[in-house]
């Protein structure tokens, strides 16, 4: 999954533990740049964490779509 294409967009993300998060995909970290070798996105302004970013790795994401 190419997470970088969602950068700067309002997204809805479904995770492997059954949660859904809606917010702005503000930061992308590639596999090469991450400590664990897994790409990730930082989602800002979610309902669950309005004042803090939520970092989701590619392995935690079931689906992601532009809202």
PDB file of N, CA and C in Angstrom:
ATOM      1  N   UNK A   1       0.851  -1.168   0.000  1.00  0.00           N
ATOM      2  CA  UNK A   1       0.000   0.000   0.000  1.00  0.00           C
ATOM      3  C   UNK A   1       0.901   1.236   0.000  1.00  0.00           C
ATOM      4  N   UNK A   2       0.621   2.158  -0.888  1.00  0.00           N
ATOM      5  CA  UNK A   2       1.418   3.383  -0.976  1.00  0.00           C
ATOM      6  C   UNK A   2       0.786   4.468  -0.105  1.00  0.00           C
ATOM      7  N   UNK A   3       1.224   4.556   1.142  1.00  0.00           N
ATOM      8  CA  UNK A   3       0.655   5.528   2.074  1.00  0.00           C
ATOM      9  C   UNK A   3       0.998   6.962   1.706  1.00  0.00           C
ATOM     10  N   UNK A   4       2.088   7.168   1.007  1.00  0.00           N
ATOM     11  CA  UNK A   4       2.528   8.532   0.687  1.00  0.00           C
ATOM     12  C   UNK A   4       1.517   9.278  -0.172  1.00  0.00           C
ATOM     13  N   UNK A   5       0.700   8.579  -0.942  1.00  0.00           N
ATOM     14  CA  UNK A   5      -0.266   9.262  -1.812  1.00  0.00           C
ATOM     15  C   UNK A   5      -1.406   9.917  -1.037  1.00  0.00           C
ATOM     16  N   UNK A   6      -1.531   9.589   0.252  1.00  0.00           N
ATOM     17  CA  UNK A   6      -2.582  10.173   1.079  1.00  0.00           C
ATOM     18  C   UNK A   6      -2.118  11.405   1.851  1.00  0.00           C
ATOM     19  N   UNK A   7      -0.845  11.720   1.756  1.00  0.00           N
ATOM     20  CA  UNK A   7      -0.262  12.833   2.495  1.00  0.00           C
ATOM     21  C   UNK A   7      -0.993  14.143   2.190  1.00  0.00           C
ATOM     22  N   UNK A   8      -1.390  14.848   3.242  1.00  0.00           N
ATOM     23  CA  UNK A   8      -2.056  16.147   3.103  1.00  0.00           C
ATOM     24  C   UNK A   8      -3.548  16.070   2.844  1.00  0.00           C
ATOM     25  N   UNK A   9      -4.099  14.860   2.843  1.00  0.00           N
ATOM     26  CA  UNK A   9      -5.521  14.698   2.549  1.00  0.00           C
ATOM     27  C   UNK A   9      -6.294  14.286   3.795  1.00  0.00           C
ATOM     28  N   UNK A  10      -7.594  14.607   3.794  1.00  0.00           N
ATOM     29  CA  UNK A  10      -8.476  14.145   4.856  1.00  0.00           C
ATOM     30  C   UNK A  10      -8.810  12.690   4.548  1.00  0.00           C
ATOM     31  N   UNK A  11      -8.543  11.793   5.491  1.00  0.00           N
ATOM     32  CA  UNK A  11      -8.697  10.358   5.251  1.00  0.00           C
ATOM     33  C   UNK A  11      -9.545   9.694   6.328  1.00  0.00           C
ATOM     34  N   UNK A  12     -10.074   8.535   5.978  1.00  0.00           N
ATOM     35  CA  UNK A  12     -10.724   7.644   6.927  1.00  0.00           C
ATOM     36  C   UNK A  12      -9.931   6.353   6.884  1.00  0.00           C
ATOM     37  N   UNK A  13      -9.455   5.927   8.063  1.00  0.00           N
ATOM     38  CA  UNK A  13      -8.596   4.752   8.159  1.00  0.00           C
ATOM     39  C   UNK A  13      -9.274   3.702   9.027  1.00  0.00           C
ATOM     40  N   UNK A  14      -9.368   2.473   8.500  1.00  0.00           N
ATOM     41  CA  UNK A  14      -9.844   1.332   9.285  1.00  0.00           C
ATOM     42  C   UNK A  14      -8.627   0.521   9.702  1.00  0.00           C
ATOM     43  N   UNK A  15      -8.591   0.141  10.983  1.00  0.00           N
ATOM     44  CA  UNK A  15      -7.419  -0.555  11.518  1.00  0.00           C
ATOM     45  C   UNK A  15      -7.730  -2.027  11.821  1.00  0.00           C
ATOM     46  N   UNK A  16      -6.672  -2.783  12.032  1.00  0.00           N
ATOM     47  CA  UNK A  16      -6.792  -4.221  12.273  1.00  0.00           C
ATOM     48  C   UNK A  16      -7.530  -4.554  13.568  1.00  0.00           C
ATOM     49  N   UNK A  17      -7.606  -3.602  14.496  1.00  0.00           N
ATOM     50  CA  UNK A  17      -8.323  -3.859  15.749  1.00  0.00           C
ATOM     51  C   UNK A  17      -9.771  -3.357  15.720  1.00  0.00           C
ATOM     52  N   UNK A  18     -10.267  -3.064  14.509  1.00  0.00           N
ATOM     53  CA  UNK A  18     -11.672  -2.712  14.333  1.00  0.00           C
ATOM     54  C   UNK A  18     -12.028  -1.258  14.535  1.00  0.00           C
ATOM     55  N   UNK A  19     -11.049  -0.386  14.701  1.00  0.00           N
ATOM     56  CA  UNK A  19     -11.330   1.041  14.897  1.00  0.00           C
ATOM     57  C   UNK A  19     -11.302   1.792  13.571  1.00  0.00           C
ATOM     58  N   UNK A  20     -11.972   2.944  13.550  1.00  0.00           N
ATOM     59  CA  UNK A  20     -11.916   3.854  12.403  1.00  0.00           C
ATOM     60  C   UNK A  20     -11.497   5.222  12.903  1.00  0.00           C
ATOM     61  N   UNK A  21     -10.603   5.827  12.159  1.00  0.00           N
ATOM     62  CA  UNK A  21     -10.105   7.156  12.492  1.00  0.00           C
ATOM     63  C   UNK A  21     -10.260   8.051  11.280  1.00  0.00           C
ATOM     64  N   UNK A  22     -10.737   9.271  11.520  1.00  0.00           N
ATOM     65  CA  UNK A  22     -10.845  10.257  10.453  1.00  0.00           C
ATOM     66  C   UNK A  22     -10.000  11.454  10.841  1.00  0.00           C
ATOM     67  N   UNK A  23      -9.181  11.925   9.899  1.00  0.00           N
ATOM     68  CA  UNK A  23      -8.330  13.074  10.165  1.00  0.00           C
ATOM     69  C   UNK A  23      -7.476  13.401   8.962  1.00  0.00           C
ATOM     70  N   UNK A  24      -6.480  14.230   9.166  1.00  0.00           N
ATOM     71  CA  UNK A  24      -5.591  14.666   8.097  1.00  0.00           C
ATOM     72  C   UNK A  24      -4.287  13.867   8.155  1.00  0.00           C
ATOM     73  N   UNK A  25      -3.937  13.243   7.033  1.00  0.00           N
ATOM     74  CA  UNK A  25      -2.663  12.519   6.941  1.00  0.00           C
ATOM     75  C   UNK A  25      -1.561  13.561   6.770  1.00  0.00           C
ATOM     76  N   UNK A  26      -0.846  13.842   7.849  1.00  0.00           N
ATOM     77  CA  UNK A  26       0.071  14.981   7.856  1.00  0.00           C
ATOM     78  C   UNK A  26       1.545  14.606   7.725  1.00  0.00           C
ATOM     79  N   UNK A  27       1.926  13.407   8.168  1.00  0.00           N
ATOM     80  CA  UNK A  27       3.333  13.010   8.124  1.00  0.00           C
ATOM     81  C   UNK A  27       3.416  11.573   7.615  1.00  0.00           C
ATOM     82  N   UNK A  28       4.298  11.354   6.639  1.00  0.00           N
ATOM     83  CA  UNK A  28       4.550  10.011   6.119  1.00  0.00           C
ATOM     84  C   UNK A  28       5.993   9.633   6.442  1.00  0.00           C
ATOM     85  N   UNK A  29       6.194   8.407   6.909  1.00  0.00           N
ATOM     86  CA  UNK A  29       7.542   7.903   7.148  1.00  0.00           C
ATOM     87  C   UNK A  29       7.720   6.627   6.328  1.00  0.00           C
ATOM     88  N   UNK A  30       8.702   6.624   5.457  1.00  0.00           N
ATOM     89  CA  UNK A  30       8.948   5.477   4.585  1.00  0.00           C
ATOM     90  C   UNK A  30       9.571   4.321   5.365  1.00  0.00           C
ATOM     91  N   UNK A  31       9.567   3.145   4.767  1.00  0.00           N
ATOM     92  CA  UNK A  31      10.183   1.967   5.388  1.00  0.00           C
ATOM     93  C   UNK A  31      11.670   2.208   5.635  1.00  0.00           C
ATOM     94  N   UNK A  32      12.318   2.907   4.721  1.00  0.00           N
ATOM     95  CA  UNK A  32      13.747   3.186   4.852  1.00  0.00           C
ATOM     96  C   UNK A  32      14.050   4.116   6.018  1.00  0.00           C
ATOM     97  N   UNK A  33      13.121   5.018   6.314  1.00  0.00           N
ATOM     98  CA  UNK A  33      13.337   5.995   7.385  1.00  0.00           C
ATOM     99  C   UNK A  33      12.870   5.521   8.759  1.00  0.00           C
ATOM    100  N   UNK A  34      12.028   4.513   8.801  1.00  0.00           N
ATOM    101  CA  UNK A  34      11.480   4.080  10.090  1.00  0.00           C
ATOM    102  C   UNK A  34      12.419   3.096  10.784  1.00  0.00           C
ATOM    103  N   UNK A  35      12.351   3.076  12.107  1.00  0.00           N
ATOM    104  CA  UNK A  35      13.206   2.191  12.895  1.00  0.00           C
ATOM    105  C   UNK A  35      12.860   0.717  12.693  1.00  0.00           C
ATOM    106  N   UNK A  36      11.575   0.426  12.476  1.00  0.00           N
ATOM    107  CA  UNK A  36      11.150  -0.970  12.348  1.00  0.00           C
ATOM    108  C   UNK A  36      11.003  -1.442  10.905  1.00  0.00           C
ATOM    109  N   UNK A  37      11.285  -0.555   9.945  1.00  0.00           N
ATOM    110  CA  UNK A  37      11.209  -0.934   8.539  1.00  0.00           C
ATOM    111  C   UNK A  37       9.801  -0.992   7.979  1.00  0.00           C
ATOM    112  N   UNK A  38       8.827  -0.421   8.697  1.00  0.00           N
ATOM    113  CA  UNK A  38       7.432  -0.429   8.260  1.00  0.00           C
ATOM    114  C   UNK A  38       6.982   1.015   8.020  1.00  0.00           C
ATOM    115  N   UNK A  39       6.453   1.321   6.835  1.00  0.00           N
ATOM    116  CA  UNK A  39       5.961   2.676   6.564  1.00  0.00           C
ATOM    117  C   UNK A  39       4.830   3.057   7.526  1.00  0.00           C
ATOM    118  N   UNK A  40       4.691   4.361   7.790  1.00  0.00           N
ATOM    119  CA  UNK A  40       3.625   4.816   8.689  1.00  0.00           C
ATOM    120  C   UNK A  40       3.107   6.188   8.270  1.00  0.00           C
ATOM    121  N   UNK A  41       1.914   6.500   8.773  1.00  0.00           N
ATOM    122  CA  UNK A  41       1.291   7.810   8.593  1.00  0.00           C
ATOM    123  C   UNK A  41       0.937   8.373   9.953  1.00  0.00           C
ATOM    124  N   UNK A  42       1.133   9.666  10.125  1.00  0.00           N
ATOM    125  CA  UNK A  42       0.631  10.365  11.302  1.00  0.00           C
ATOM    126  C   UNK A  42      -0.658  11.057  10.894  1.00  0.00           C
ATOM    127  N   UNK A  43      -1.732  10.753  11.620  1.00  0.00           N
ATOM    128  CA  UNK A  43      -3.038  11.337  11.348  1.00  0.00           C
ATOM    129  C   UNK A  43      -3.318  12.377  12.428  1.00  0.00           C
ATOM    130  N   UNK A  44      -3.652  13.590  12.013  1.00  0.00           N
ATOM    131  CA  UNK A  44      -3.933  14.692  12.933  1.00  0.00           C
ATOM    132  C   UNK A  44      -5.428  14.993  12.955  1.00  0.00           C
ATOM    133  N   UNK A  45      -5.877  15.568  14.074  1.00  0.00           N
ATOM    134  CA  UNK A  45      -7.244  16.058  14.254  1.00  0.00           C
ATOM    135  C   UNK A  45      -8.292  14.945  14.217  1.00  0.00           C
ATOM    136  N   UNK A  46      -7.966  13.772  14.765  1.00  0.00           N
ATOM    137  CA  UNK A  46      -8.976  12.724  14.868  1.00  0.00           C
ATOM    138  C   UNK A  46      -9.908  13.036  16.027  1.00  0.00           C
ATOM    139  N   UNK A  47     -11.103  12.481  15.981  1.00  0.00           N
ATOM    140  CA  UNK A  47     -12.063  12.673  17.067  1.00  0.00           C
ATOM    141  C   UNK A  47     -11.522  12.071  18.371  1.00  0.00           C
ATOM    142  N   UNK A  48     -10.849  10.933  18.248  1.00  0.00           N
ATOM    143  CA  UNK A  48     -10.331  10.244  19.432  1.00  0.00           C
ATOM    144  C   UNK A  48      -9.131  10.964  20.058  1.00  0.00           C
ATOM    145  N   UNK A  49      -8.306  11.583  19.234  1.00  0.00           N
ATOM    146  CA  UNK A  49      -7.094  12.281  19.705  1.00  0.00           C
ATOM    147  C   UNK A  49      -7.004  13.668  19.052  1.00  0.00           C
ATOM    148  N   UNK A  50      -7.887  14.588  19.426  1.00  0.00           N
ATOM    149  CA  UNK A  50      -7.947  15.884  18.730  1.00  0.00           C
ATOM    150  C   UNK A  50      -6.703  16.753  18.879  1.00  0.00           C
ATOM    151  N   UNK A  51      -5.957  16.572  19.963  1.00  0.00           N
ATOM    152  CA  UNK A  51      -4.803  17.436  20.209  1.00  0.00           C
ATOM    153  C   UNK A  51      -3.458  16.764  19.994  1.00  0.00           C
ATOM    154  N   UNK A  52      -3.467  15.499  19.595  1.00  0.00           N
ATOM    155  CA  UNK A  52      -2.227  14.751  19.397  1.00  0.00           C
ATOM    156  C   UNK A  52      -2.277  13.967  18.100  1.00  0.00           C
ATOM    157  N   UNK A  53      -1.148  13.784  17.461  1.00  0.00           N
ATOM    158  CA  UNK A  53      -1.132  12.953  16.252  1.00  0.00           C
ATOM    159  C   UNK A  53      -1.294  11.480  16.608  1.00  0.00           C
ATOM    160  N   UNK A  54      -1.851  10.733  15.692  1.00  0.00           N
ATOM    161  CA  UNK A  54      -1.987   9.290  15.825  1.00  0.00           C
ATOM    162  C   UNK A  54      -1.099   8.659  14.763  1.00  0.00           C
ATOM    163  N   UNK A  55      -0.133   7.860  15.173  1.00  0.00           N
ATOM    164  CA  UNK A  55       0.747   7.190  14.233  1.00  0.00           C
ATOM    165  C   UNK A  55       0.232   5.786  13.976  1.00  0.00           C
ATOM    166  N   UNK A  56       0.003   5.473  12.702  1.00  0.00           N
ATOM    167  CA  UNK A  56      -0.442   4.146  12.297  1.00  0.00           C
ATOM    168  C   UNK A  56       0.550   3.570  11.296  1.00  0.00           C
ATOM    169  N   UNK A  57       1.001   2.356  11.560  1.00  0.00           N
ATOM    170  CA  UNK A  57       1.901   1.699  10.609  1.00  0.00           C
ATOM    171  C   UNK A  57       1.085   0.999   9.535  1.00  0.00           C
ATOM    172  N   UNK A  58       1.733   0.732   8.424  1.00  0.00           N
ATOM    173  CA  UNK A  58       1.069   0.064   7.307  1.00  0.00           C
ATOM    174  C   UNK A  58       0.454  -1.272   7.738  1.00  0.00           C
ATOM    175  N   UNK A  59       1.109  -1.978   8.646  1.00  0.00           N
ATOM    176  CA  UNK A  59       0.607  -3.279   9.092  1.00  0.00           C
ATOM    177  C   UNK A  59      -0.642  -3.159   9.977  1.00  0.00           C
ATOM    178  N   UNK A  60      -0.919  -1.975  10.514  1.00  0.00           N
ATOM    179  CA  UNK A  60      -2.118  -1.747  11.334  1.00  0.00           C
ATOM    180  C   UNK A  60      -3.314  -1.304  10.506  1.00  0.00           C
ATOM    181  N   UNK A  61      -3.097  -0.951   9.261  1.00  0.00           N
ATOM    182  CA  UNK A  61      -4.136  -0.379   8.416  1.00  0.00           C
ATOM    183  C   UNK A  61      -4.767  -1.446   7.523  1.00  0.00           C
ATOM    184  N   UNK A  62      -6.086  -1.606   7.644  1.00  0.00           N
ATOM    185  CA  UNK A  62      -6.825  -2.502   6.753  1.00  0.00           C
ATOM    186  C   UNK A  62      -7.195  -1.760   5.477  1.00  0.00           C
ATOM    187  N   UNK A  63      -7.727  -0.539   5.654  1.00  0.00           N
ATOM    188  CA  UNK A  63      -8.095   0.260   4.487  1.00  0.00           C
ATOM    189  C   UNK A  63      -7.923   1.732   4.813  1.00  0.00           C
ATOM    190  N   UNK A  64      -7.730   2.498   3.760  1.00  0.00           N
ATOM    191  CA  UNK A  64      -7.625   3.952   3.899  1.00  0.00           C
ATOM    192  C   UNK A  64      -8.246   4.566   2.651  1.00  0.00           C
ATOM    193  N   UNK A  65      -9.054   5.587   2.877  1.00  0.00           N
ATOM    194  CA  UNK A  65      -9.685   6.256   1.748  1.00  0.00           C
ATOM    195  C   UNK A  65      -9.751   7.752   1.995  1.00  0.00           C
ATOM    196  N   UNK A  66      -9.767   8.497   0.916  1.00  0.00           N
ATOM    197  CA  UNK A  66      -9.880   9.953   0.994  1.00  0.00           C
ATOM    198  C   UNK A  66     -11.320  10.289   1.313  1.00  0.00           C
ATOM    199  N   UNK A  67     -11.492  11.199   2.252  1.00  0.00           N
ATOM    200  CA  UNK A  67     -12.845  11.583   2.675  1.00  0.00           C
ATOM    201  C   UNK A  67     -13.242  12.887   2.023  1.00  0.00           C
TER     202      UNK A  67
END
